[in-house]
């Protein structure tokens, strides 16, 4: 679901994750049609990186508890 939001509404994706300044910058970028594609790619990559960071944190926590 968040991936679709990141593709169609890139600035909303950042806003929902609490990144206000990044959402504003992304909104300025996506105002133009040419800027929409880089904004969507940026939002999707950022979302994937956030998911990877959460997964890594869970793995590190699990390894430390052993």
Protein backbone atom coordinates (compact mmCIF):
# COMPACT_ATOMS: atom_id res chain seq x y z
CA UNK A 1 0.00 0.00 0.00
CA UNK A 2 2.74 2.46 0.96
CA UNK A 3 4.58 1.66 -2.28
CA UNK A 4 1.56 2.75 -4.32
CA UNK A 5 1.33 5.96 -2.30
CA UNK A 6 5.03 6.53 -2.89
CA UNK A 7 4.55 6.15 -6.65
CA UNK A 8 1.38 8.22 -7.09
CA UNK A 9 1.79 10.73 -4.22
CA UNK A 10 5.51 10.88 -3.40
CA UNK A 11 5.32 13.84 -1.02
CA UNK A 12 2.46 12.21 0.90
CA UNK A 13 4.64 9.15 1.40
CA UNK A 14 7.27 11.24 3.17
CA UNK A 15 4.63 13.16 5.12
CA UNK A 16 3.03 9.96 6.44
CA UNK A 17 6.43 8.81 7.69
CA UNK A 18 6.97 12.07 9.59
CA UNK A 19 9.59 13.63 7.32
CA UNK A 20 8.10 17.11 6.95
CA UNK A 21 10.98 18.96 5.29
CA UNK A 22 11.63 16.09 2.90
CA UNK A 23 7.92 16.04 2.02
CA UNK A 24 8.02 19.75 1.23
CA UNK A 25 11.09 19.36 -0.95
CA UNK A 26 9.52 16.40 -2.73
CA UNK A 27 6.31 18.39 -3.28
CA UNK A 28 8.28 21.17 -4.95
CA UNK A 29 9.95 18.57 -7.15
CA UNK A 30 6.75 16.79 -8.09
CA UNK A 31 4.89 19.96 -9.07
CA UNK A 32 6.41 19.67 -12.52
CA UNK A 33 5.62 16.67 -14.70
CA UNK A 34 9.31 16.12 -15.40
CA UNK A 35 10.06 16.15 -11.67
CA UNK A 36 7.31 13.66 -10.84
CA UNK A 37 9.34 10.64 -11.97
CA UNK A 38 12.46 11.47 -9.90
CA UNK A 39 10.21 12.29 -6.91
CA UNK A 40 8.42 8.94 -7.21
CA UNK A 41 11.71 7.03 -7.55
CA UNK A 42 13.14 8.91 -4.56
CA UNK A 43 10.06 8.12 -2.44
CA UNK A 44 10.09 4.41 -3.34
CA UNK A 45 13.83 4.06 -2.66
CA UNK A 46 13.49 5.90 0.63
CA UNK A 47 10.63 3.61 1.64
CA UNK A 48 12.64 0.51 0.76
CA UNK A 49 15.64 1.80 2.74
CA UNK A 50 13.45 2.46 5.78
CA UNK A 51 12.06 -1.08 5.59
CA UNK A 52 15.57 -2.50 5.32
CA UNK A 53 16.72 -0.46 8.32
CA UNK A 54 13.83 -1.78 10.43
CA UNK A 55 14.57 -5.35 9.33
CA UNK A 56 18.27 -4.95 10.17
CA UNK A 57 17.44 -3.50 13.59
CA UNK A 58 15.23 -6.52 14.35
CA UNK A 59 17.99 -8.91 13.28
CA UNK A 60 20.59 -7.16 15.40
CA UNK A 61 18.26 -7.17 18.40
CA UNK A 62 17.60 -10.89 17.92
CA UNK A 63 21.33 -11.65 17.68
CA UNK A 64 22.11 -9.64 20.82
CA UNK A 65 19.47 -11.45 22.85
CA UNK A 66 21.14 -14.82 22.29
